[in-house]
């Protein structure tokens, strides 16, 4: 489990979103699970061999918010 800080201050319809990076190296399959609040996390289109980029979508605006996220690599 890791804590990540992000700002979900971009809006699309009723949802707020933004992206964050982790230093998890790219693998065949990585799942991320938010451990608090109502959120959807998915891998973003832009990732590299050294970092994974993730997008968080949620139902409320959040600025400089830190949340726990569990990453599972396969």
PDB file of N, CA and C in Angstrom:
ATOM      1  N   UNK A   1       0.841  -1.185   0.000  1.00  0.00           N
ATOM      2  CA  UNK A   1       0.000   0.000   0.000  1.00  0.00           C
ATOM      3  C   UNK A   1       0.889   1.252   0.000  1.00  0.00           C
ATOM      4  N   UNK A   2       0.466   2.242  -0.750  1.00  0.00           N
ATOM      5  CA  UNK A   2       1.192   3.506  -0.791  1.00  0.00           C
ATOM      6  C   UNK A   2       0.210   4.649  -0.655  1.00  0.00           C
ATOM      7  N   UNK A   3       0.682   5.745  -0.112  1.00  0.00           N
ATOM      8  CA  UNK A   3      -0.135   6.958  -0.063  1.00  0.00           C
ATOM      9  C   UNK A   3       0.272   7.853  -1.219  1.00  0.00           C
ATOM     10  N   UNK A   4      -0.710   8.359  -1.947  1.00  0.00           N
ATOM     11  CA  UNK A   4      -0.435   9.233  -3.084  1.00  0.00           C
ATOM     12  C   UNK A   4      -1.140  10.559  -2.875  1.00  0.00           C
ATOM     13  N   UNK A   5      -0.515  11.608  -3.364  1.00  0.00           N
ATOM     14  CA  UNK A   5      -1.105  12.949  -3.269  1.00  0.00           C
ATOM     15  C   UNK A   5      -1.462  13.413  -4.671  1.00  0.00           C
ATOM     16  N   UNK A   6      -2.664  13.916  -4.829  1.00  0.00           N
ATOM     17  CA  UNK A   6      -3.123  14.369  -6.134  1.00  0.00           C
ATOM     18  C   UNK A   6      -4.155  15.471  -5.918  1.00  0.00           C
ATOM     19  N   UNK A   7      -4.500  16.153  -6.986  1.00  0.00           N
ATOM     20  CA  UNK A   7      -5.548  17.177  -6.954  1.00  0.00           C
ATOM     21  C   UNK A   7      -6.560  16.865  -8.045  1.00  0.00           C
ATOM     22  N   UNK A   8      -7.740  16.434  -7.647  1.00  0.00           N
ATOM     23  CA  UNK A   8      -8.800  16.148  -8.617  1.00  0.00           C
ATOM     24  C   UNK A   8      -9.556  17.440  -8.887  1.00  0.00           C
ATOM     25  N   UNK A   9      -8.929  18.317  -9.665  1.00  0.00           N
ATOM     26  CA  UNK A   9      -9.526  19.630  -9.893  1.00  0.00           C
ATOM     27  C   UNK A   9      -9.894  19.875 -11.353  1.00  0.00           C
ATOM     28  N   UNK A  10      -9.798  18.818 -12.175  1.00  0.00           N
ATOM     29  CA  UNK A  10     -10.278  18.928 -13.550  1.00  0.00           C
ATOM     30  C   UNK A  10     -11.674  18.316 -13.596  1.00  0.00           C
ATOM     31  N   UNK A  11     -12.590  18.974 -14.296  1.00  0.00           N
ATOM     32  CA  UNK A  11     -13.974  18.514 -14.278  1.00  0.00           C
ATOM     33  C   UNK A  11     -14.422  18.033 -15.645  1.00  0.00           C
ATOM     34  N   UNK A  12     -15.168  16.914 -15.640  1.00  0.00           N
ATOM     35  CA  UNK A  12     -15.784  16.382 -16.852  1.00  0.00           C
ATOM     36  C   UNK A  12     -17.202  15.998 -16.474  1.00  0.00           C
ATOM     37  N   UNK A  13     -18.175  16.810 -16.878  1.00  0.00           N
ATOM     38  CA  UNK A  13     -19.554  16.580 -16.457  1.00  0.00           C
ATOM     39  C   UNK A  13     -19.640  16.670 -14.945  1.00  0.00           C
ATOM     40  N   UNK A  14     -20.242  15.682 -14.292  1.00  0.00           N
ATOM     41  CA  UNK A  14     -20.366  15.725 -12.830  1.00  0.00           C
ATOM     42  C   UNK A  14     -19.140  15.173 -12.101  1.00  0.00           C
ATOM     43  N   UNK A  15     -18.096  14.774 -12.834  1.00  0.00           N
ATOM     44  CA  UNK A  15     -16.948  14.115 -12.216  1.00  0.00           C
ATOM     45  C   UNK A  15     -15.722  15.016 -12.205  1.00  0.00           C
ATOM     46  N   UNK A  16     -14.842  14.763 -11.237  1.00  0.00           N
ATOM     47  CA  UNK A  16     -13.563  15.455 -11.130  1.00  0.00           C
ATOM     48  C   UNK A  16     -12.450  14.417 -11.293  1.00  0.00           C
ATOM     49  N   UNK A  17     -11.331  14.835 -11.895  1.00  0.00           N
ATOM     50  CA  UNK A  17     -10.283  13.864 -12.167  1.00  0.00           C
ATOM     51  C   UNK A  17      -8.923  14.558 -12.235  1.00  0.00           C
ATOM     52  N   UNK A  18      -7.883  13.751 -12.149  1.00  0.00           N
ATOM     53  CA  UNK A  18      -6.518  14.171 -12.440  1.00  0.00           C
ATOM     54  C   UNK A  18      -5.641  12.930 -12.429  1.00  0.00           C
ATOM     55  N   UNK A  19      -4.359  13.105 -12.699  1.00  0.00           N
ATOM     56  CA  UNK A  19      -3.450  11.983 -12.807  1.00  0.00           C
ATOM     57  C   UNK A  19      -2.308  12.123 -11.817  1.00  0.00           C
ATOM     58  N   UNK A  20      -1.688  10.980 -11.505  1.00  0.00           N
ATOM     59  CA  UNK A  20      -0.505  10.983 -10.659  1.00  0.00           C
ATOM     60  C   UNK A  20       0.417   9.864 -11.121  1.00  0.00           C
ATOM     61  N   UNK A  21       1.705   9.978 -10.782  1.00  0.00           N
ATOM     62  CA  UNK A  21       2.706   8.985 -11.156  1.00  0.00           C
ATOM     63  C   UNK A  21       3.127   8.180  -9.942  1.00  0.00           C
ATOM     64  N   UNK A  22       3.498   6.932 -10.174  1.00  0.00           N
ATOM     65  CA  UNK A  22       4.163   6.125  -9.158  1.00  0.00           C
ATOM     66  C   UNK A  22       5.446   5.585  -9.755  1.00  0.00           C
ATOM     67  N   UNK A  23       6.323   5.125  -8.887  1.00  0.00           N
ATOM     68  CA  UNK A  23       7.604   4.588  -9.359  1.00  0.00           C
ATOM     69  C   UNK A  23       7.538   3.073  -9.514  1.00  0.00           C
ATOM     70  N   UNK A  24       6.352   2.549  -9.699  1.00  0.00           N
ATOM     71  CA  UNK A  24       6.198   1.132  -9.984  1.00  0.00           C
ATOM     72  C   UNK A  24       6.581   0.916 -11.440  1.00  0.00           C
ATOM     73  N   UNK A  25       7.532   0.020 -11.684  1.00  0.00           N
ATOM     74  CA  UNK A  25       7.950  -0.216 -13.054  1.00  0.00           C
ATOM     75  C   UNK A  25       6.847  -0.928 -13.819  1.00  0.00           C
ATOM     76  N   UNK A  26       6.752  -0.629 -15.093  1.00  0.00           N
ATOM     77  CA  UNK A  26       5.703  -1.198 -15.931  1.00  0.00           C
ATOM     78  C   UNK A  26       5.804  -2.719 -15.928  1.00  0.00           C
ATOM     79  N   UNK A  27       4.683  -3.371 -15.721  1.00  0.00           N
ATOM     80  CA  UNK A  27       4.609  -4.824 -15.736  1.00  0.00           C
ATOM     81  C   UNK A  27       3.466  -5.229 -16.651  1.00  0.00           C
ATOM     82  N   UNK A  28       3.278  -6.512 -16.775  1.00  0.00           N
ATOM     83  CA  UNK A  28       2.227  -6.990 -17.665  1.00  0.00           C
ATOM     84  C   UNK A  28       0.850  -6.513 -17.235  1.00  0.00           C
ATOM     85  N   UNK A  29       0.596  -6.527 -15.941  1.00  0.00           N
ATOM     86  CA  UNK A  29      -0.745  -6.208 -15.482  1.00  0.00           C
ATOM     87  C   UNK A  29      -0.659  -5.626 -14.086  1.00  0.00           C
ATOM     88  N   UNK A  30      -1.169  -4.434 -13.882  1.00  0.00           N
ATOM     89  CA  UNK A  30      -1.143  -3.787 -12.580  1.00  0.00           C
ATOM     90  C   UNK A  30      -2.549  -3.290 -12.264  1.00  0.00           C
ATOM     91  N   UNK A  31      -3.013  -3.605 -11.059  1.00  0.00           N
ATOM     92  CA  UNK A  31      -4.302  -3.103 -10.603  1.00  0.00           C
ATOM     93  C   UNK A  31      -4.075  -2.156  -9.440  1.00  0.00           C
ATOM     94  N   UNK A  32      -4.876  -1.103  -9.364  1.00  0.00           N
ATOM     95  CA  UNK A  32      -4.800  -0.162  -8.252  1.00  0.00           C
ATOM     96  C   UNK A  32      -6.171  -0.066  -7.593  1.00  0.00           C
ATOM     97  N   UNK A  33      -6.180  -0.119  -6.271  1.00  0.00           N
ATOM     98  CA  UNK A  33      -7.432  -0.055  -5.528  1.00  0.00           C
ATOM     99  C   UNK A  33      -7.396   1.117  -4.560  1.00  0.00           C
ATOM    100  N   UNK A  34      -8.306   2.067  -4.692  1.00  0.00           N
ATOM    101  CA  UNK A  34      -8.384   3.136  -3.691  1.00  0.00           C
ATOM    102  C   UNK A  34      -8.948   2.568  -2.395  1.00  0.00           C
ATOM    103  N   UNK A  35      -8.402   2.992  -1.269  1.00  0.00           N
ATOM    104  CA  UNK A  35      -8.829   2.445   0.014  1.00  0.00           C
ATOM    105  C   UNK A  35      -9.670   3.420   0.824  1.00  0.00           C
ATOM    106  N   UNK A  36     -10.113   4.506   0.208  1.00  0.00           N
ATOM    107  CA  UNK A  36     -10.986   5.438   0.911  1.00  0.00           C
ATOM    108  C   UNK A  36     -11.789   6.244  -0.097  1.00  0.00           C
ATOM    109  N   UNK A  37     -12.994   6.585   0.272  1.00  0.00           N
ATOM    110  CA  UNK A  37     -13.834   7.441  -0.556  1.00  0.00           C
ATOM    111  C   UNK A  37     -14.402   6.731  -1.771  1.00  0.00           C
ATOM    112  N   UNK A  38     -15.129   7.486  -2.589  1.00  0.00           N
ATOM    113  CA  UNK A  38     -15.744   6.957  -3.804  1.00  0.00           C
ATOM    114  C   UNK A  38     -14.874   7.384  -4.978  1.00  0.00           C
ATOM    115  N   UNK A  39     -14.053   6.443  -5.462  1.00  0.00           N
ATOM    116  CA  UNK A  39     -13.097   6.788  -6.512  1.00  0.00           C
ATOM    117  C   UNK A  39     -12.976   5.648  -7.503  1.00  0.00           C
ATOM    118  N   UNK A  40     -12.555   6.012  -8.709  1.00  0.00           N
ATOM    119  CA  UNK A  40     -12.237   5.032  -9.736  1.00  0.00           C
ATOM    120  C   UNK A  40     -10.825   5.325 -10.196  1.00  0.00           C
ATOM    121  N   UNK A  41      -9.958   4.319 -10.161  1.00  0.00           N
ATOM    122  CA  UNK A  41      -8.567   4.506 -10.584  1.00  0.00           C
ATOM    123  C   UNK A  41      -8.285   3.584 -11.757  1.00  0.00           C
ATOM    124  N   UNK A  42      -7.676   4.154 -12.800  1.00  0.00           N
ATOM    125  CA  UNK A  42      -7.275   3.313 -13.926  1.00  0.00           C
ATOM    126  C   UNK A  42      -5.926   3.797 -14.429  1.00  0.00           C
ATOM    127  N   UNK A  43      -5.239   2.907 -15.135  1.00  0.00           N
ATOM    128  CA  UNK A  43      -3.947   3.273 -15.685  1.00  0.00           C
ATOM    129  C   UNK A  43      -4.146   4.273 -16.810  1.00  0.00           C
ATOM    130  N   UNK A  44      -3.341   5.330 -16.810  1.00  0.00           N
ATOM    131  CA  UNK A  44      -3.445   6.358 -17.838  1.00  0.00           C
ATOM    132  C   UNK A  44      -2.750   5.883 -19.114  1.00  0.00           C
ATOM    133  N   UNK A  45      -2.993   6.600 -20.184  1.00  0.00           N
ATOM    134  CA  UNK A  45      -2.444   6.208 -21.485  1.00  0.00           C
ATOM    135  C   UNK A  45      -0.930   6.371 -21.528  1.00  0.00           C
ATOM    136  N   UNK A  46      -0.391   7.320 -20.785  1.00  0.00           N
ATOM    137  CA  UNK A  46       1.039   7.617 -20.842  1.00  0.00           C
ATOM    138  C   UNK A  46       1.741   6.991 -19.643  1.00  0.00           C
ATOM    139  N   UNK A  47       2.517   5.951 -19.876  1.00  0.00           N
ATOM    140  CA  UNK A  47       3.349   5.337 -18.858  1.00  0.00           C
ATOM    141  C   UNK A  47       4.706   5.044 -19.481  1.00  0.00           C
ATOM    142  N   UNK A  48       5.688   4.773 -18.628  1.00  0.00           N
ATOM    143  CA  UNK A  48       7.023   4.449 -19.123  1.00  0.00           C
ATOM    144  C   UNK A  48       7.525   3.207 -18.399  1.00  0.00           C
ATOM    145  N   UNK A  49       8.706   2.757 -18.765  1.00  0.00           N
ATOM    146  CA  UNK A  49       9.275   1.588 -18.113  1.00  0.00           C
ATOM    147  C   UNK A  49       9.626   1.878 -16.657  1.00  0.00           C
ATOM    148  N   UNK A  50       9.834   3.139 -16.331  1.00  0.00           N
ATOM    149  CA  UNK A  50      10.223   3.508 -14.975  1.00  0.00           C
ATOM    150  C   UNK A  50       9.090   3.967 -14.099  1.00  0.00           C
ATOM    151  N   UNK A  51       8.012   4.429 -14.720  1.00  0.00           N
ATOM    152  CA  UNK A  51       6.894   4.971 -13.937  1.00  0.00           C
ATOM    153  C   UNK A  51       5.565   4.551 -14.549  1.00  0.00           C
ATOM    154  N   UNK A  52       4.599   4.396 -13.686  1.00  0.00           N
ATOM    155  CA  UNK A  52       3.229   4.175 -14.127  1.00  0.00           C
ATOM    156  C   UNK A  52       2.440   5.443 -13.838  1.00  0.00           C
ATOM    157  N   UNK A  53       1.610   5.838 -14.785  1.00  0.00           N
ATOM    158  CA  UNK A  53       0.745   6.994 -14.552  1.00  0.00           C
ATOM    159  C   UNK A  53      -0.685   6.501 -14.397  1.00  0.00           C
ATOM    160  N   UNK A  54      -1.377   7.074 -13.424  1.00  0.00           N
ATOM    161  CA  UNK A  54      -2.738   6.661 -13.095  1.00  0.00           C
ATOM    162  C   UNK A  54      -3.681   7.846 -13.118  1.00  0.00           C
ATOM    163  N   UNK A  55      -4.928   7.567 -13.471  1.00  0.00           N
ATOM    164  CA  UNK A  55      -5.964   8.597 -13.444  1.00  0.00           C
ATOM    165  C   UNK A  55      -6.967   8.262 -12.346  1.00  0.00           C
ATOM    166  N   UNK A  56      -7.304   9.252 -11.543  1.00  0.00           N
ATOM    167  CA  UNK A  56      -8.328   9.097 -10.506  1.00  0.00           C
ATOM    168  C   UNK A  56      -9.549   9.909 -10.920  1.00  0.00           C
ATOM    169  N   UNK A  57     -10.698   9.270 -10.873  1.00  0.00           N
ATOM    170  CA  UNK A  57     -11.976   9.939 -11.139  1.00  0.00           C
ATOM    171  C   UNK A  57     -12.821   9.815  -9.885  1.00  0.00           C
ATOM    172  N   UNK A  58     -13.410  10.895  -9.465  1.00  0.00           N
ATOM    173  CA  UNK A  58     -14.232  10.856  -8.262  1.00  0.00           C
ATOM    174  C   UNK A  58     -15.411  11.810  -8.393  1.00  0.00           C
ATOM    175  N   UNK A  59     -16.294  11.724  -7.414  1.00  0.00           N
ATOM    176  CA  UNK A  59     -17.552  12.468  -7.481  1.00  0.00           C
ATOM    177  C   UNK A  59     -17.474  13.828  -6.803  1.00  0.00           C
ATOM    178  N   UNK A  60     -16.289  14.208  -6.306  1.00  0.00           N
ATOM    179  CA  UNK A  60     -16.155  15.489  -5.628  1.00  0.00           C
ATOM    180  C   UNK A  60     -14.776  16.071  -5.910  1.00  0.00           C
ATOM    181  N   UNK A  61     -14.680  17.368  -5.795  1.00  0.00           N
ATOM    182  CA  UNK A  61     -13.419  18.049  -6.051  1.00  0.00           C
ATOM    183  C   UNK A  61     -12.485  17.868  -4.855  1.00  0.00           C
ATOM    184  N   UNK A  62     -11.231  17.602  -5.130  1.00  0.00           N
ATOM    185  CA  UNK A  62     -10.250  17.449  -4.064  1.00  0.00           C
ATOM    186  C   UNK A  62      -8.940  18.093  -4.458  1.00  0.00           C
ATOM    187  N   UNK A  63      -8.398  18.950  -3.621  1.00  0.00           N
ATOM    188  CA  UNK A  63      -7.141  19.641  -3.895  1.00  0.00           C
ATOM    189  C   UNK A  63      -6.061  19.168  -2.933  1.00  0.00           C
ATOM    190  N   UNK A  64      -4.908  18.762  -3.471  1.00  0.00           N
ATOM    191  CA  UNK A  64      -3.764  18.312  -2.673  1.00  0.00           C
ATOM    192  C   UNK A  64      -4.218  17.294  -1.634  1.00  0.00           C
ATOM    193  N   UNK A  65      -4.913  16.291  -2.090  1.00  0.00           N
ATOM    194  CA  UNK A  65      -5.477  15.280  -1.204  1.00  0.00           C
ATOM    195  C   UNK A  65      -4.573  14.051  -1.196  1.00  0.00           C
ATOM    196  N   UNK A  66      -4.337  13.489  -0.027  1.00  0.00           N
ATOM    197  CA  UNK A  66      -3.517  12.283   0.103  1.00  0.00           C
ATOM    198  C   UNK A  66      -4.414  11.106   0.447  1.00  0.00           C
ATOM    199  N   UNK A  67      -4.329  10.054  -0.351  1.00  0.00           N
ATOM    200  CA  UNK A  67      -5.149   8.868  -0.106  1.00  0.00           C
ATOM    201  C   UNK A  67      -4.289   7.609  -0.171  1.00  0.00           C
ATOM    202  N   UNK A  68      -4.682   6.548   0.552  1.00  0.00           N
ATOM    203  CA  UNK A  68      -3.981   5.293   0.449  1.00  0.00           C
ATOM    204  C   UNK A  68      -4.454   4.510  -0.768  1.00  0.00           C
ATOM    205  N   UNK A  69      -3.512   3.950  -1.503  1.00  0.00           N
ATOM    206  CA  UNK A  69      -3.824   3.154  -2.694  1.00  0.00           C
ATOM    207  C   UNK A  69      -3.036   1.854  -2.617  1.00  0.00           C
ATOM    208  N   UNK A  70      -3.690   0.739  -2.907  1.00  0.00           N
ATOM    209  CA  UNK A  70      -3.011  -0.543  -2.946  1.00  0.00           C
ATOM    210  C   UNK A  70      -2.768  -0.929  -4.397  1.00  0.00           C
ATOM    211  N   UNK A  71      -1.520  -1.263  -4.730  1.00  0.00           N
ATOM    212  CA  UNK A  71      -1.149  -1.686  -6.079  1.00  0.00           C
ATOM    213  C   UNK A  71      -0.855  -3.189  -6.086  1.00  0.00           C
ATOM    214  N   UNK A  72      -1.439  -3.898  -7.019  1.00  0.00           N
ATOM    215  CA  UNK A  72      -1.199  -5.323  -7.160  1.00  0.00           C
ATOM    216  C   UNK A  72      -0.613  -5.585  -8.539  1.00  0.00           C
ATOM    217  N   UNK A  73       0.580  -6.174  -8.588  1.00  0.00           N
ATOM    218  CA  UNK A  73       1.268  -6.421  -9.853  1.00  0.00           C
ATOM    219  C   UNK A  73       1.225  -7.912 -10.170  1.00  0.00           C
ATOM    220  N   UNK A  74       0.993  -8.236 -11.430  1.00  0.00           N
ATOM    221  CA  UNK A  74       0.936  -9.626 -11.865  1.00  0.00           C
ATOM    222  C   UNK A  74       1.976  -9.844 -12.968  1.00  0.00           C
TER     223      UNK A  74
END
